[in-house]
N, C-alpha and C. Protein backbone atom coordinates (compact mmCIF):
# COMPACT_ATOMS: atom_id res chain seq x y z
N MET A 1 90.79 78.53 311.66
CA MET A 1 92.00 78.09 310.98
C MET A 1 93.13 79.06 311.32
N ASP A 2 94.26 78.53 311.76
CA ASP A 2 95.41 79.36 312.10
C ASP A 2 96.20 79.65 310.83
N THR A 3 96.31 80.93 310.48
CA THR A 3 97.01 81.32 309.27
C THR A 3 98.35 81.96 309.58
N ALA A 4 98.85 81.80 310.80
CA ALA A 4 100.14 82.40 311.18
C ALA A 4 101.24 81.80 310.32
N PHE A 5 102.15 82.63 309.92
CA PHE A 5 103.29 82.22 309.11
C PHE A 5 104.52 82.84 309.75
N ALA A 6 105.40 82.02 310.24
CA ALA A 6 106.59 82.52 310.94
C ALA A 6 107.72 82.79 309.95
N CYS A 7 108.55 83.76 310.29
CA CYS A 7 109.74 84.04 309.47
C CYS A 7 110.65 82.82 309.46
N ARG A 8 111.30 82.61 308.34
CA ARG A 8 112.25 81.51 308.18
C ARG A 8 113.60 81.96 308.75
N PRO A 9 114.14 81.28 309.74
CA PRO A 9 115.45 81.67 310.28
C PRO A 9 116.52 81.71 309.18
N GLY A 10 117.35 82.74 309.22
CA GLY A 10 118.44 82.86 308.27
C GLY A 10 118.02 83.28 306.87
N CYS A 11 116.82 83.80 306.71
CA CYS A 11 116.32 84.16 305.37
C CYS A 11 116.69 85.60 305.02
N ALA A 12 116.03 86.55 305.66
CA ALA A 12 116.25 87.98 305.43
C ALA A 12 116.02 88.44 304.00
N ALA A 13 115.24 87.68 303.23
CA ALA A 13 114.94 88.10 301.86
C ALA A 13 114.22 89.45 301.85
N CYS A 14 113.32 89.66 302.83
CA CYS A 14 112.57 90.92 302.88
C CYS A 14 113.45 92.09 303.29
N CYS A 15 114.64 91.81 303.80
CA CYS A 15 115.59 92.86 304.20
C CYS A 15 116.67 93.03 303.14
N THR A 16 116.55 92.29 302.05
CA THR A 16 117.55 92.31 300.98
C THR A 16 116.93 92.64 299.63
N ALA A 17 115.91 91.92 299.24
CA ALA A 17 115.36 92.04 297.88
C ALA A 17 114.72 93.39 297.58
N PRO A 18 113.83 93.91 298.44
CA PRO A 18 113.16 95.17 298.06
C PRO A 18 114.01 96.41 298.32
N SER A 19 113.70 97.44 297.58
CA SER A 19 114.30 98.75 297.87
C SER A 19 113.52 99.36 299.03
N ILE A 20 114.20 100.19 299.79
CA ILE A 20 113.55 100.94 300.87
C ILE A 20 113.94 102.39 300.65
N THR A 21 112.97 103.24 300.41
CA THR A 21 113.27 104.63 300.06
C THR A 21 113.35 105.57 301.26
N SER A 22 112.90 105.11 302.41
CA SER A 22 112.97 105.95 303.60
C SER A 22 114.31 105.72 304.31
N PRO A 23 114.73 106.68 305.13
CA PRO A 23 115.99 106.51 305.86
C PRO A 23 115.95 105.32 306.82
N ILE A 24 117.09 104.68 306.94
CA ILE A 24 117.31 103.58 307.88
C ILE A 24 118.54 103.99 308.68
N PRO A 25 118.56 103.80 309.99
CA PRO A 25 119.80 104.10 310.71
C PRO A 25 120.99 103.38 310.06
N GLY A 26 121.98 104.16 309.67
CA GLY A 26 123.13 103.61 308.97
C GLY A 26 123.00 103.67 307.46
N MET A 27 121.81 103.97 306.97
CA MET A 27 121.54 104.09 305.53
C MET A 27 120.59 105.27 305.34
N PRO A 28 121.09 106.49 305.49
CA PRO A 28 120.20 107.66 305.48
C PRO A 28 119.44 107.88 304.17
N GLN A 29 119.91 107.31 303.08
CA GLN A 29 119.22 107.43 301.80
C GLN A 29 118.34 106.21 301.50
N GLY A 30 118.18 105.32 302.48
CA GLY A 30 117.47 104.08 302.24
C GLY A 30 118.40 103.06 301.63
N LYS A 31 117.86 102.06 300.97
CA LYS A 31 118.70 101.04 300.35
C LYS A 31 118.13 100.61 299.01
N PRO A 32 119.00 100.29 298.07
CA PRO A 32 118.51 99.81 296.77
C PRO A 32 118.09 98.34 296.85
N ALA A 33 117.29 97.94 295.90
CA ALA A 33 116.88 96.54 295.80
C ALA A 33 118.10 95.66 295.63
N GLY A 34 118.08 94.52 296.31
CA GLY A 34 119.16 93.56 296.18
C GLY A 34 120.31 93.74 297.16
N MET A 35 120.31 94.84 297.88
CA MET A 35 121.37 95.09 298.86
C MET A 35 120.84 94.75 300.25
N ALA A 36 121.65 94.03 301.03
CA ALA A 36 121.24 93.71 302.39
C ALA A 36 121.24 94.97 303.24
N CYS A 37 120.28 95.08 304.11
CA CYS A 37 120.19 96.21 305.05
C CYS A 37 121.34 96.12 306.04
N VAL A 38 121.92 97.26 306.39
CA VAL A 38 123.02 97.28 307.35
C VAL A 38 122.56 96.92 308.76
N GLN A 39 121.27 96.89 308.99
CA GLN A 39 120.75 96.55 310.31
C GLN A 39 120.58 95.04 310.52
N LEU A 40 120.96 94.23 309.55
CA LEU A 40 120.93 92.78 309.74
C LEU A 40 122.14 92.37 310.57
N ASP A 41 121.91 91.50 311.55
CA ASP A 41 123.04 90.99 312.33
C ASP A 41 123.62 89.74 311.66
N ASP A 42 124.58 89.11 312.30
CA ASP A 42 125.24 87.94 311.70
C ASP A 42 124.30 86.76 311.49
N ALA A 43 123.21 86.72 312.26
CA ALA A 43 122.22 85.66 312.11
C ALA A 43 121.11 86.06 311.13
N LEU A 44 121.29 87.19 310.45
CA LEU A 44 120.32 87.73 309.50
C LEU A 44 118.99 88.09 310.17
N ARG A 45 119.10 88.65 311.35
CA ARG A 45 117.93 89.16 312.08
C ARG A 45 118.05 90.67 312.18
N CYS A 46 116.91 91.35 312.18
CA CYS A 46 116.88 92.81 312.20
C CYS A 46 117.21 93.34 313.60
N ARG A 47 118.20 94.21 313.66
CA ARG A 47 118.56 94.84 314.94
C ARG A 47 117.52 95.87 315.37
N LEU A 48 116.67 96.32 314.44
CA LEU A 48 115.68 97.35 314.74
C LEU A 48 114.28 96.78 315.00
N PHE A 49 114.13 95.48 314.93
CA PHE A 49 112.81 94.88 315.07
C PHE A 49 112.17 95.33 316.38
N GLY A 50 110.95 95.85 316.29
CA GLY A 50 110.21 96.31 317.46
C GLY A 50 110.60 97.69 317.95
N MET A 51 111.53 98.33 317.29
CA MET A 51 111.98 99.66 317.71
C MET A 51 111.35 100.73 316.82
N PRO A 52 111.15 101.94 317.36
CA PRO A 52 110.53 103.00 316.56
C PRO A 52 111.38 103.44 315.38
N GLU A 53 112.66 103.19 315.40
CA GLU A 53 113.55 103.57 314.29
C GLU A 53 113.37 102.68 313.06
N ARG A 54 112.71 101.57 313.24
CA ARG A 54 112.49 100.66 312.12
C ARG A 54 111.60 101.35 311.10
N PRO A 55 111.99 101.35 309.81
CA PRO A 55 111.18 102.03 308.79
C PRO A 55 109.75 101.50 308.72
N ALA A 56 108.84 102.40 308.40
CA ALA A 56 107.42 102.02 308.27
C ALA A 56 107.24 100.90 307.24
N PHE A 57 107.99 100.97 306.15
CA PHE A 57 107.90 99.93 305.12
C PHE A 57 108.15 98.55 305.75
N CYS A 58 109.16 98.46 306.58
CA CYS A 58 109.52 97.19 307.21
C CYS A 58 108.43 96.72 308.17
N ARG A 59 107.86 97.66 308.90
CA ARG A 59 106.81 97.31 309.86
C ARG A 59 105.56 96.76 309.17
N THR A 60 105.34 97.14 307.91
CA THR A 60 104.14 96.68 307.20
C THR A 60 104.30 95.30 306.58
N LEU A 61 105.52 94.82 306.44
CA LEU A 61 105.73 93.51 305.83
C LEU A 61 105.21 92.42 306.75
N LYS A 62 104.46 91.52 306.20
CA LYS A 62 103.91 90.39 306.94
C LYS A 62 104.32 89.11 306.23
N PRO A 63 105.04 88.23 306.92
CA PRO A 63 105.44 86.99 306.25
C PRO A 63 104.24 86.16 305.85
N GLY A 64 104.33 85.56 304.69
CA GLY A 64 103.27 84.70 304.19
C GLY A 64 103.76 83.96 302.96
N PRO A 65 103.07 82.93 302.56
CA PRO A 65 103.50 82.12 301.41
C PRO A 65 103.69 82.93 300.13
N GLU A 66 102.83 83.94 299.92
CA GLU A 66 102.93 84.73 298.68
C GLU A 66 104.17 85.61 298.64
N MET A 67 104.77 85.88 299.78
CA MET A 67 105.99 86.69 299.85
C MET A 67 107.21 85.83 300.13
N CYS A 68 107.04 84.78 300.92
CA CYS A 68 108.18 84.01 301.42
C CYS A 68 108.43 82.72 300.65
N GLY A 69 107.41 82.21 299.98
CA GLY A 69 107.59 80.97 299.25
C GLY A 69 108.03 79.83 300.16
N ALA A 70 108.72 78.86 299.58
CA ALA A 70 109.14 77.68 300.32
C ALA A 70 110.62 77.69 300.70
N SER A 71 111.35 78.73 300.27
CA SER A 71 112.78 78.80 300.56
C SER A 71 113.24 80.26 300.46
N ARG A 72 114.46 80.54 300.91
CA ARG A 72 115.01 81.88 300.78
C ARG A 72 115.13 82.25 299.30
N ALA A 73 115.58 81.32 298.48
CA ALA A 73 115.73 81.59 297.05
C ALA A 73 114.38 81.96 296.42
N GLU A 74 113.34 81.24 296.80
CA GLU A 74 112.01 81.54 296.27
C GLU A 74 111.53 82.90 296.78
N ALA A 75 111.78 83.20 298.05
CA ALA A 75 111.40 84.51 298.59
C ALA A 75 112.13 85.64 297.86
N MET A 76 113.41 85.46 297.60
CA MET A 76 114.17 86.48 296.87
C MET A 76 113.56 86.69 295.48
N ALA A 77 113.20 85.62 294.80
CA ALA A 77 112.61 85.73 293.46
C ALA A 77 111.24 86.39 293.51
N LEU A 78 110.41 86.01 294.46
CA LEU A 78 109.07 86.62 294.59
C LEU A 78 109.17 88.11 294.88
N LEU A 79 110.05 88.47 295.81
CA LEU A 79 110.20 89.88 296.18
C LEU A 79 110.86 90.69 295.07
N ALA A 80 111.77 90.10 294.33
CA ALA A 80 112.39 90.78 293.19
C ALA A 80 111.34 91.05 292.11
N ALA A 81 110.47 90.09 291.87
CA ALA A 81 109.39 90.28 290.89
C ALA A 81 108.44 91.37 291.34
N LEU A 82 108.10 91.39 292.61
CA LEU A 82 107.22 92.44 293.14
C LEU A 82 107.90 93.81 293.03
N GLU A 83 109.17 93.86 293.34
CA GLU A 83 109.93 95.10 293.22
C GLU A 83 109.86 95.64 291.79
N GLN A 84 110.09 94.74 290.83
CA GLN A 84 110.06 95.14 289.43
C GLN A 84 108.65 95.57 289.00
N ALA A 85 107.65 94.86 289.46
CA ALA A 85 106.27 95.17 289.08
C ALA A 85 105.78 96.50 289.66
N THR A 86 106.36 96.94 290.76
CA THR A 86 105.92 98.18 291.40
C THR A 86 106.89 99.34 291.21
N ALA A 87 107.91 99.13 290.40
CA ALA A 87 108.89 100.20 290.14
C ALA A 87 108.22 101.34 289.37
N PRO A 88 108.63 102.57 289.68
CA PRO A 88 108.03 103.71 288.96
C PRO A 88 108.40 103.73 287.49
């Protein structure tokens, strides 16, 4: 059974909803939850994808129904809930 789940074009919920505490080029203190990463281009694609400068947190994210839901709005809600559930 193929369980591949492709990113939804124009979504970028995973680059917006969660906080990232490690440095990102252009965001040396990381980014707070709910703020779009400065590395998103106009098409909402990561400029650092596949590059060593991409934060480890970002490299570990794997798209899937439990994170992405059926729409960008659902992905934002799921990731916001996860952010809140894992907050210190």
